[in-house]
Amino acid sequence: MDRSSHGRSRRFAPAVALAAAAALTLAGCSSSSGGKKADEDGDSGASAGKANTPRMTVALVTHQAPGDTFWDIVRKGAEAAAAKDNIKLVYSADPNAGNQANLVQNAVDQKVDGIAVTLAKPDALRSVLGKAEKAGIPVVGLNSGLADWQKLGLMEFFGQDESVAGEAFGKKLNEVGSKKALCVIHEQGNVGLTQRCDGLKKTFEGSVENLYVNGADKPSVKATVTAKLQQDSAIDHVVTLGAPFAMTAVQSVDESGSKARVATFDLNKELTGAIEKGDIEFAVDQQPYLQGYLAVDGLWLYKNNGNYSGGGEQPVLTGPAFVDKSNVKAVAEFASKGTR
């Protein structure tokens, strides 16, 4: 396979895979200290699947905004993979693209063994990702940046095609008879969020209006959505792009006296309960736990076995999957554990 256009086949020299021992060890992980030391119980059956490979350090750098619980699920998946793979996981986040680039630079300076990064604003990370490449540090993408991960030289990408998810969302709105939708964008400049609303417009047979809000200020989000619903009674669906904002939109619908329904992208424990109650019509789940898990595990597999998920050429898609009243009970069991 010719991968010269991305340079990934020559960029890093993967370590030789190590033979598995009869008694394997498990190391925990944390956001800063690197976690607990491995526990050895001497039972090879009980500890099967736990790595005894040399300790790695992986930096997970996201664009998480304060209070956005979506990222708790991503992080939990990453921590599970780190524990299994004997990895010290260092988590950091900043919604400001320049600050996120600085966090990646910190990881490069610390000479970590691998970096997993989100690309909500890819141009801001171009330079620092080039520095990671020059330093010989493998980098994978997750969640945001499906259109840009190869251009920026990343090895792999784990996430949802936001345009496809948006198109599927638009078709779902057609099925439920919607005529006018309000697409609430909680972070201006985030390419993934824009792609969701753009995809929705492609397939939705009704009209769509985008509404920009400050996702870091929930009272402001509620006030802005409430005012819009009071102004335009024709809106029959409020589409939010994150589970916490869906719950805020439900409050806006109540306060405005609107008859609009709320549907959303992304999922969490509170949202599954709202779907069961009928407050939220449906949600699109991109499986953030899987994104965090696969990104960290992918770096371990590369270092210890030279593997590329998707062959280094195709992304690994984790969504979209619809959750509504027909299947929410099955999903809620896992959401209550913080894994969906």
Foldseek 3Di string as FASTA:
>chain_A
DDPVVLCPVPQADFAAFDDDDQWAWWFFEDQPDQGDDTDTDPHSVVLPQAHNDDEFEEEEEEADDPPACLVVQLVVLLRVLCRRHNYHYHYDHHNDLLVSLVVLLVCVVVVGQEYEYEPQPPVSNLVSLVSCSVSNHAYEYEAHDQVCCSVSSHQAYEWAPLLVQLLVVQVVCVVVPAAEEEEEAQDPSRVSSVSNPVSSVVRHPHYYHYDYFNNNDLVRLLVRLLVVCLVDLSHAEYEYEGDVSQVSNLVSCVVNVHNHAYEYEADALVVLVCQLVVNHAKYWHQQSSVRSNCRNNQSSCCNNPVDGVVNSPHHHGRDGDMDHNVCSVVVNVVRVVSRD
